[in-house]
């Protein structure tokens, strides 16, 4: 995934499925300077993880 698509997903009111390592996640925030995002598991605990934008996949 690229940074522009992440921005579109964050600003969208639609529910867009995104996966990280085959697991559905919510994107909480973007760190443009690092090309990373903060995510947490869909339906899971609120534990957040910072991952590379390139490792995300839109379903």
C-alpha atoms as a PDB file:
ATOM      1  CA  UNK A   1       0.000   0.000   0.000  1.00  0.00           C
ATOM      2  CA  UNK A   2       1.192   3.563  -0.481  1.00  0.00           C
ATOM      3  CA  UNK A   3       0.951   6.650   1.704  1.00  0.00           C
ATOM      4  CA  UNK A   4      -1.694   8.344  -0.445  1.00  0.00           C
ATOM      5  CA  UNK A   5      -4.036   5.354  -0.162  1.00  0.00           C
ATOM      6  CA  UNK A   6      -3.579   5.290   3.615  1.00  0.00           C
ATOM      7  CA  UNK A   7      -4.609   8.963   3.736  1.00  0.00           C
ATOM      8  CA  UNK A   8      -7.698   8.186   1.632  1.00  0.00           C
ATOM      9  CA  UNK A   9      -8.665   5.312   3.910  1.00  0.00           C
ATOM     10  CA  UNK A  10      -8.224   7.454   7.041  1.00  0.00           C
ATOM     11  CA  UNK A  11     -10.414  10.224   5.631  1.00  0.00           C
ATOM     12  CA  UNK A  12     -13.092   7.877   4.270  1.00  0.00           C
ATOM     13  CA  UNK A  13     -16.360   7.258   6.083  1.00  0.00           C
ATOM     14  CA  UNK A  14     -16.531   3.794   4.490  1.00  0.00           C
ATOM     15  CA  UNK A  15     -15.286   0.697   6.273  1.00  0.00           C
ATOM     16  CA  UNK A  16     -12.308  -0.448   4.205  1.00  0.00           C
ATOM     17  CA  UNK A  17     -10.688  -3.747   5.130  1.00  0.00           C
ATOM     18  CA  UNK A  18      -6.931  -3.572   5.569  1.00  0.00           C
ATOM     19  CA  UNK A  19      -4.670  -6.437   6.571  1.00  0.00           C
ATOM     20  CA  UNK A  20      -1.236  -6.682   8.104  1.00  0.00           C
ATOM     21  CA  UNK A  21       0.392 -10.123   7.848  1.00  0.00           C
ATOM     22  CA  UNK A  22      -2.986 -11.640   6.933  1.00  0.00           C
ATOM     23  CA  UNK A  23      -4.800 -10.155   9.957  1.00  0.00           C
ATOM     24  CA  UNK A  24      -7.447  -7.424   9.701  1.00  0.00           C
ATOM     25  CA  UNK A  25      -6.392  -4.163  11.348  1.00  0.00           C
ATOM     26  CA  UNK A  26      -7.671  -0.634  11.870  1.00  0.00           C
ATOM     27  CA  UNK A  27      -5.378   2.226  10.918  1.00  0.00           C
ATOM     28  CA  UNK A  28      -5.245   4.657  13.843  1.00  0.00           C
ATOM     29  CA  UNK A  29      -2.630   7.158  12.711  1.00  0.00           C
ATOM     30  CA  UNK A  30      -0.025   7.794  10.045  1.00  0.00           C
ATOM     31  CA  UNK A  31       3.588   8.858  10.524  1.00  0.00           C
ATOM     32  CA  UNK A  32       4.483  10.294   7.139  1.00  0.00           C
ATOM     33  CA  UNK A  33       8.083  11.107   8.062  1.00  0.00           C
ATOM     34  CA  UNK A  34       8.743   7.415   8.856  1.00  0.00           C
ATOM     35  CA  UNK A  35       6.390   5.905   6.210  1.00  0.00           C
ATOM     36  CA  UNK A  36       4.702   3.960   9.012  1.00  0.00           C
ATOM     37  CA  UNK A  37       1.220   3.685  10.490  1.00  0.00           C
ATOM     38  CA  UNK A  38      -0.156   2.891  13.921  1.00  0.00           C
ATOM     39  CA  UNK A  39      -2.658   0.006  13.776  1.00  0.00           C
ATOM     40  CA  UNK A  40      -4.647  -2.234  16.095  1.00  0.00           C
ATOM     41  CA  UNK A  41      -6.451  -5.531  15.490  1.00  0.00           C
ATOM     42  CA  UNK A  42     -10.064  -5.432  14.341  1.00  0.00           C
ATOM     43  CA  UNK A  43     -12.246  -6.753  17.153  1.00  0.00           C
ATOM     44  CA  UNK A  44      -9.212  -7.219  19.334  1.00  0.00           C
ATOM     45  CA  UNK A  45      -7.668  -5.421  22.210  1.00  0.00           C
ATOM     46  CA  UNK A  46      -6.675  -1.809  21.787  1.00  0.00           C
ATOM     47  CA  UNK A  47      -2.968  -2.643  21.760  1.00  0.00           C
ATOM     48  CA  UNK A  48      -1.367  -0.584  19.018  1.00  0.00           C
ATOM     49  CA  UNK A  49       1.576  -1.488  16.812  1.00  0.00           C
ATOM     50  CA  UNK A  50       3.666   0.628  14.443  1.00  0.00           C
ATOM     51  CA  UNK A  51       4.163  -1.012  11.034  1.00  0.00           C
ATOM     52  CA  UNK A  52       5.533  -0.063   7.617  1.00  0.00           C
ATOM     53  CA  UNK A  53       2.925   1.253   5.190  1.00  0.00           C
ATOM     54  CA  UNK A  54       4.286  -1.092   2.497  1.00  0.00           C
ATOM     55  CA  UNK A  55       3.343  -4.100   4.660  1.00  0.00           C
ATOM     56  CA  UNK A  56      -0.382  -3.241   4.594  1.00  0.00           C
ATOM     57  CA  UNK A  57      -2.753  -4.816   2.082  1.00  0.00           C
ATOM     58  CA  UNK A  58      -6.212  -3.563   1.119  1.00  0.00           C
ATOM     59  CA  UNK A  59      -8.769  -6.340   0.755  1.00  0.00           C
END
